[in-house]
Amino acid sequence: MEYRIIKSPSRGTLDILWRRKGSAATITIAGYDAVGLVQGRLIDMVFAADIAEKAAGVIVEDIKGHCPQNLIMIAIFGDTASVEAALQQIQYKLKAAKTGELL
């Protein structure tokens, strides 16, 4: 799984994400301080989206792409501290789930 955070995303970056959003326009993705990007298998991304939304006041959207390995990506929108906290919780809980510490 890969993780990235973009602090103060540019308008062009937000436009790319908006065009690739997999869901209907339920929220605007403008005006957020940071975007966290997480890419991995579908089962992990659904789990990660749930963790992120429960951990911090963030909005999670699926991002469509063309990946031959069948990986998907989610984008986590929010203020910088909330996005960082969400990414930390995702990393912690996915690791715990894989080692059997989290049931």
N, C-alpha and C. Protein backbone atom coordinates (compact mmCIF):
# COMPACT_ATOMS: atom_id res chain seq x y z
N MET A 1 0.84 -1.16 0.00
CA MET A 1 0.00 0.00 0.00
C MET A 1 0.89 1.24 0.00
N GLU A 2 0.45 2.25 -0.72
CA GLU A 2 1.21 3.49 -0.79
C GLU A 2 0.39 4.64 -0.22
N TYR A 3 1.09 5.58 0.43
CA TYR A 3 0.47 6.74 1.06
C TYR A 3 1.19 8.00 0.62
N ARG A 4 0.42 9.05 0.39
CA ARG A 4 0.99 10.37 0.12
C ARG A 4 0.07 11.41 0.74
N ILE A 5 0.64 12.55 1.10
CA ILE A 5 -0.16 13.68 1.54
C ILE A 5 0.25 14.90 0.72
N ILE A 6 -0.74 15.64 0.29
CA ILE A 6 -0.50 16.88 -0.45
C ILE A 6 -1.05 18.00 0.42
N LYS A 7 -0.14 18.85 0.90
CA LYS A 7 -0.55 20.00 1.70
C LYS A 7 -0.77 21.18 0.77
N SER A 8 -1.82 21.92 0.99
CA SER A 8 -2.19 23.05 0.14
C SER A 8 -2.24 22.65 -1.33
N PRO A 9 -3.13 21.71 -1.69
CA PRO A 9 -3.18 21.25 -3.08
C PRO A 9 -3.51 22.38 -4.04
N SER A 10 -2.88 22.34 -5.19
CA SER A 10 -3.12 23.36 -6.22
C SER A 10 -4.50 23.15 -6.85
N ARG A 11 -4.97 24.16 -7.53
CA ARG A 11 -6.26 24.07 -8.22
C ARG A 11 -6.21 22.97 -9.27
N GLY A 12 -5.09 22.86 -9.98
CA GLY A 12 -4.94 21.82 -10.99
C GLY A 12 -5.02 20.42 -10.40
N THR A 13 -4.40 20.22 -9.25
CA THR A 13 -4.45 18.93 -8.56
C THR A 13 -5.88 18.60 -8.16
N LEU A 14 -6.58 19.58 -7.61
CA LEU A 14 -7.99 19.37 -7.23
C LEU A 14 -8.84 19.06 -8.46
N ASP A 15 -8.55 19.72 -9.59
CA ASP A 15 -9.29 19.44 -10.82
C ASP A 15 -9.07 17.99 -11.28
N ILE A 16 -7.84 17.51 -11.20
CA ILE A 16 -7.56 16.12 -11.57
C ILE A 16 -8.37 15.18 -10.69
N LEU A 17 -8.35 15.41 -9.39
CA LEU A 17 -9.09 14.54 -8.47
C LEU A 17 -10.60 14.63 -8.71
N TRP A 18 -11.11 15.83 -8.98
CA TRP A 18 -12.53 16.01 -9.24
C TRP A 18 -12.96 15.20 -10.47
N ARG A 19 -12.15 15.25 -11.54
CA ARG A 19 -12.48 14.52 -12.76
C ARG A 19 -12.43 13.01 -12.55
N ARG A 20 -11.61 12.55 -11.62
CA ARG A 20 -11.43 11.11 -11.39
C ARG A 20 -12.28 10.59 -10.23
N LYS A 21 -13.05 11.45 -9.59
CA LYS A 21 -13.92 11.00 -8.50
C LYS A 21 -14.87 9.93 -9.01
N GLY A 22 -14.96 8.83 -8.28
CA GLY A 22 -15.81 7.74 -8.71
C GLY A 22 -17.27 7.91 -8.33
N SER A 23 -17.54 8.73 -7.34
CA SER A 23 -18.91 8.88 -6.88
C SER A 23 -19.54 10.15 -7.45
N ALA A 24 -20.85 10.23 -7.29
CA ALA A 24 -21.57 11.43 -7.74
C ALA A 24 -21.12 12.63 -6.91
N ALA A 25 -21.39 13.80 -7.41
CA ALA A 25 -20.96 15.03 -6.75
C ALA A 25 -21.76 15.28 -5.47
N THR A 26 -21.35 14.66 -4.38
CA THR A 26 -22.03 14.84 -3.11
C THR A 26 -21.44 15.98 -2.30
N ILE A 27 -20.17 16.23 -2.51
CA ILE A 27 -19.49 17.33 -1.81
C ILE A 27 -18.58 18.03 -2.80
N THR A 28 -18.23 19.25 -2.47
CA THR A 28 -17.21 19.93 -3.26
C THR A 28 -15.86 19.57 -2.67
N ILE A 29 -14.85 19.42 -3.50
CA ILE A 29 -13.54 19.07 -2.96
C ILE A 29 -12.61 20.29 -2.94
N ALA A 30 -13.17 21.46 -3.09
CA ALA A 30 -12.38 22.69 -3.00
C ALA A 30 -12.36 23.17 -1.55
N GLY A 31 -11.35 23.91 -1.19
CA GLY A 31 -11.30 24.54 0.11
C GLY A 31 -10.73 23.69 1.23
N TYR A 32 -10.10 22.58 0.91
CA TYR A 32 -9.47 21.75 1.94
C TYR A 32 -7.98 22.05 2.00
N ASP A 33 -7.41 22.00 3.21
CA ASP A 33 -6.00 22.30 3.40
C ASP A 33 -5.08 21.20 2.89
N ALA A 34 -5.58 19.95 2.90
CA ALA A 34 -4.71 18.83 2.53
C ALA A 34 -5.53 17.71 1.90
N VAL A 35 -4.83 16.89 1.14
CA VAL A 35 -5.42 15.69 0.55
C VAL A 35 -4.46 14.54 0.84
N GLY A 36 -4.99 13.48 1.45
CA GLY A 36 -4.22 12.26 1.64
C GLY A 36 -4.60 11.27 0.56
N LEU A 37 -3.64 10.65 -0.05
CA LEU A 37 -3.90 9.66 -1.08
C LEU A 37 -3.41 8.30 -0.58
N VAL A 38 -4.27 7.30 -0.71
CA VAL A 38 -3.92 5.94 -0.29
C VAL A 38 -4.31 5.01 -1.43
N GLN A 39 -3.37 4.16 -1.83
CA GLN A 39 -3.62 3.22 -2.92
C GLN A 39 -3.34 1.80 -2.45
N GLY A 40 -4.25 0.90 -2.79
CA GLY A 40 -4.08 -0.50 -2.42
C GLY A 40 -5.22 -1.35 -2.94
N ARG A 41 -5.36 -2.53 -2.36
CA ARG A 41 -6.42 -3.45 -2.76
C ARG A 41 -7.78 -2.94 -2.27
N LEU A 42 -8.83 -3.33 -2.96
CA LEU A 42 -10.18 -2.85 -2.64
C LEU A 42 -10.55 -3.11 -1.19
N ILE A 43 -10.30 -4.30 -0.68
CA ILE A 43 -10.67 -4.62 0.69
C ILE A 43 -9.97 -3.69 1.68
N ASP A 44 -8.71 -3.39 1.42
CA ASP A 44 -7.97 -2.48 2.30
C ASP A 44 -8.45 -1.05 2.18
N MET A 45 -8.85 -0.64 0.98
CA MET A 45 -9.29 0.74 0.78
C MET A 45 -10.65 1.01 1.44
N VAL A 46 -11.55 0.04 1.40
CA VAL A 46 -12.84 0.21 2.09
C VAL A 46 -12.59 0.29 3.60
N PHE A 47 -11.72 -0.58 4.10
CA PHE A 47 -11.34 -0.57 5.52
C PHE A 47 -10.69 0.76 5.88
N ALA A 48 -9.78 1.24 5.02
CA ALA A 48 -9.08 2.50 5.26
C ALA A 48 -10.04 3.69 5.26
N ALA A 49 -11.00 3.69 4.36
CA ALA A 49 -11.98 4.79 4.31
C ALA A 49 -12.77 4.86 5.61
N ASP A 50 -13.18 3.71 6.12
CA ASP A 50 -13.92 3.67 7.38
C ASP A 50 -13.06 4.18 8.54
N ILE A 51 -11.82 3.73 8.59
CA ILE A 51 -10.90 4.17 9.64
C ILE A 51 -10.72 5.69 9.58
N ALA A 52 -10.48 6.22 8.39
CA ALA A 52 -10.22 7.66 8.22
C ALA A 52 -11.40 8.50 8.69
N GLU A 53 -12.61 8.12 8.28
CA GLU A 53 -13.77 8.92 8.65
C GLU A 53 -14.07 8.85 10.14
N LYS A 54 -13.76 7.72 10.77
CA LYS A 54 -13.98 7.59 12.21
C LYS A 54 -12.87 8.27 13.03
N ALA A 55 -11.67 8.37 12.47
CA ALA A 55 -10.53 8.90 13.20
C ALA A 55 -10.51 10.42 13.25
N ALA A 56 -11.00 11.06 12.23
CA ALA A 56 -10.88 12.51 12.13
C ALA A 56 -12.00 13.07 11.27
N GLY A 57 -12.20 14.36 11.35
CA GLY A 57 -13.25 15.02 10.57
C GLY A 57 -12.82 15.20 9.13
N VAL A 58 -12.80 14.11 8.38
CA VAL A 58 -12.36 14.15 6.98
C VAL A 58 -13.46 13.61 6.08
N ILE A 59 -13.32 13.88 4.81
CA ILE A 59 -14.20 13.36 3.77
C ILE A 59 -13.37 12.42 2.91
N VAL A 60 -13.90 11.23 2.62
CA VAL A 60 -13.18 10.26 1.80
C VAL A 60 -13.94 10.04 0.49
N GLU A 61 -13.21 10.07 -0.60
CA GLU A 61 -13.78 9.82 -1.92
C GLU A 61 -12.94 8.77 -2.64
N ASP A 62 -13.60 7.92 -3.43
CA ASP A 62 -12.84 6.98 -4.25
C ASP A 62 -12.41 7.69 -5.52
N ILE A 63 -11.23 7.35 -6.00
CA ILE A 63 -10.64 7.98 -7.18
C ILE A 63 -10.42 6.91 -8.23
N LYS A 64 -11.01 7.10 -9.38
CA LYS A 64 -10.91 6.13 -10.47
C LYS A 64 -9.60 6.30 -11.23
N GLY A 65 -9.07 5.19 -11.69
CA GLY A 65 -7.84 5.22 -12.47
C GLY A 65 -7.73 3.98 -13.33
N HIS A 66 -6.61 3.81 -13.95
CA HIS A 66 -6.36 2.66 -14.81
C HIS A 66 -5.12 1.96 -14.30
N CYS A 67 -5.32 0.96 -13.46
CA CYS A 67 -4.20 0.25 -12.86
C CYS A 67 -4.24 -1.22 -13.26
N PRO A 68 -3.24 -1.69 -13.97
CA PRO A 68 -3.25 -3.09 -14.41
C PRO A 68 -3.17 -4.09 -13.24
N GLN A 69 -2.73 -3.63 -12.07
CA GLN A 69 -2.65 -4.51 -10.91
C GLN A 69 -3.96 -4.52 -10.11
N ASN A 70 -4.99 -3.85 -10.62
CA ASN A 70 -6.30 -3.77 -9.96
C ASN A 70 -6.24 -3.11 -8.59
N LEU A 71 -5.35 -2.15 -8.43
CA LEU A 71 -5.30 -1.36 -7.21
C LEU A 71 -6.27 -0.19 -7.35
N ILE A 72 -6.79 0.27 -6.25
CA ILE A 72 -7.65 1.45 -6.29
C ILE A 72 -7.07 2.51 -5.37
N MET A 73 -7.60 3.72 -5.48
CA MET A 73 -7.09 4.81 -4.65
C MET A 73 -8.26 5.54 -4.01
N ILE A 74 -8.03 5.98 -2.77
CA ILE A 74 -8.98 6.87 -2.11
C ILE A 74 -8.27 8.19 -1.83
N ALA A 75 -9.04 9.26 -1.78
CA ALA A 75 -8.53 10.57 -1.43
C ALA A 75 -9.22 11.00 -0.14
N ILE A 76 -8.44 11.50 0.79
CA ILE A 76 -8.94 11.93 2.09
C ILE A 76 -8.78 13.44 2.15
N PHE A 77 -9.89 14.16 2.22
CA PHE A 77 -9.88 15.62 2.21
C PHE A 77 -10.17 16.16 3.61
N GLY A 78 -9.41 17.19 4.01
CA GLY A 78 -9.64 17.82 5.31
C GLY A 78 -8.54 18.81 5.63
N ASP A 79 -8.54 19.28 6.89
CA ASP A 79 -7.43 20.14 7.30
C ASP A 79 -6.20 19.25 7.49
N THR A 80 -5.03 19.86 7.46
CA THR A 80 -3.78 19.10 7.47
C THR A 80 -3.67 18.16 8.66
N ALA A 81 -3.97 18.63 9.86
CA ALA A 81 -3.85 17.79 11.05
C ALA A 81 -4.80 16.60 10.99
N SER A 82 -6.01 16.81 10.51
CA SER A 82 -6.98 15.71 10.43
C SER A 82 -6.57 14.67 9.39
N VAL A 83 -6.07 15.12 8.25
CA VAL A 83 -5.62 14.19 7.21
C VAL A 83 -4.42 13.39 7.71
N GLU A 84 -3.48 14.06 8.37
CA GLU A 84 -2.33 13.35 8.93
C GLU A 84 -2.77 12.32 9.97
N ALA A 85 -3.70 12.70 10.85
CA ALA A 85 -4.20 11.76 11.86
C ALA A 85 -4.91 10.57 11.22
N ALA A 86 -5.67 10.83 10.17
CA ALA A 86 -6.38 9.75 9.48
C ALA A 86 -5.38 8.78 8.85
N LEU A 87 -4.34 9.30 8.20
CA LEU A 87 -3.33 8.44 7.58
C LEU A 87 -2.58 7.62 8.62
N GLN A 88 -2.27 8.22 9.76
CA GLN A 88 -1.59 7.48 10.84
C GLN A 88 -2.46 6.35 11.36
N GLN A 89 -3.76 6.62 11.54
CA GLN A 89 -4.66 5.58 12.03
C GLN A 89 -4.82 4.45 11.01
N ILE A 90 -4.88 4.81 9.74
CA ILE A 90 -4.98 3.78 8.69
C ILE A 90 -3.76 2.88 8.74
N GLN A 91 -2.58 3.46 8.79
CA GLN A 91 -1.35 2.67 8.83
C GLN A 91 -1.32 1.77 10.07
N TYR A 92 -1.67 2.32 11.22
CA TYR A 92 -1.65 1.56 12.47
C TYR A 92 -2.65 0.41 12.44
N LYS A 93 -3.89 0.71 12.05
CA LYS A 93 -4.93 -0.32 12.11
C LYS A 93 -4.78 -1.38 11.02
N LEU A 94 -4.30 -1.01 9.84
CA LEU A 94 -4.06 -2.02 8.81
C LEU A 94 -2.93 -2.96 9.23
N LYS A 95 -1.88 -2.40 9.83
CA LYS A 95 -0.79 -3.23 10.32
C LYS A 95 -1.30 -4.17 11.43
N ALA A 96 -2.09 -3.64 12.35
CA ALA A 96 -2.62 -4.45 13.44
C ALA A 96 -3.54 -5.54 12.91
N ALA A 97 -4.35 -5.22 11.90
CA ALA A 97 -5.25 -6.22 11.33
C ALA A 97 -4.49 -7.35 10.64
N LYS A 98 -3.40 -7.00 9.98
CA LYS A 98 -2.61 -8.02 9.27
C LYS A 98 -1.81 -8.91 10.21
N THR A 99 -1.47 -8.39 11.38
CA THR A 99 -0.71 -9.19 12.34
C THR A 99 -1.62 -9.91 13.32
N GLY A 100 -2.93 -9.69 13.19
CA GLY A 100 -3.88 -10.38 14.06
C GLY A 100 -4.12 -9.68 15.38
N GLU A 101 -3.56 -8.49 15.57
CA GLU A 101 -3.76 -7.75 16.81
C GLU A 101 -5.13 -7.09 16.87
N LEU A 102 -5.73 -6.85 15.73
CA LEU A 102 -7.01 -6.18 15.65
C LEU A 102 -8.03 -7.16 15.09
N LEU A 103 -9.00 -7.52 15.88
CA LEU A 103 -10.02 -8.46 15.43
C LEU A 103 -11.37 -7.79 15.33
